[in-house]
């Protein structure tokens, strides 16, 4: 009888922890040493196409449903925590290492944004990629990038690999 626990769970938890630590460290840098919020226009120009720009996101992705009320804040904390719990459950049972990596990035990013919302009432965003006046993304953070990369990996793997082949050990046991 095969175990339902992922053989890559430890790997996934490490990746999720690293994503969370990188996210929170980057936010600490823009909040404390750089004091980005207090800079003129809340901005530091790093290159002609990338700035650090202070943004408080009270909504969800792309600032949708933005409302800085306590009700919205705690509703988003609860919903995001439920999603993170579902992702953690999926990751704990997933047998494909690539999917565990993707889920771990999503989990680490989600936990980073949950912590912001609990601590500040909003998610701290600061990464501002632009080409002249064209901005391919809203201002984002490391957690958002991890979540986006994780989702793209899951979609790409689903489209490119189709149905997953059973792990070699299960295939050998069936023969």
Foldseek 3Di string as FASTA:
>chain_A
DDDQFAPCLVVLQVLLVVLLVVQVVVVCCLVPVVVLVPPVQSWDDDDLFKIFHKDWQLADFVSPPRDLDPVSLVVLLVVLVVVLVVLSVCLRRDHDNLLSNLSSLLNSLSVNQSVCCVVPVTGIFTIFGGDVPHGPGDGGTSSVVSNVVSVVSVVCCCVVVPDDDDPPVVVVVVD
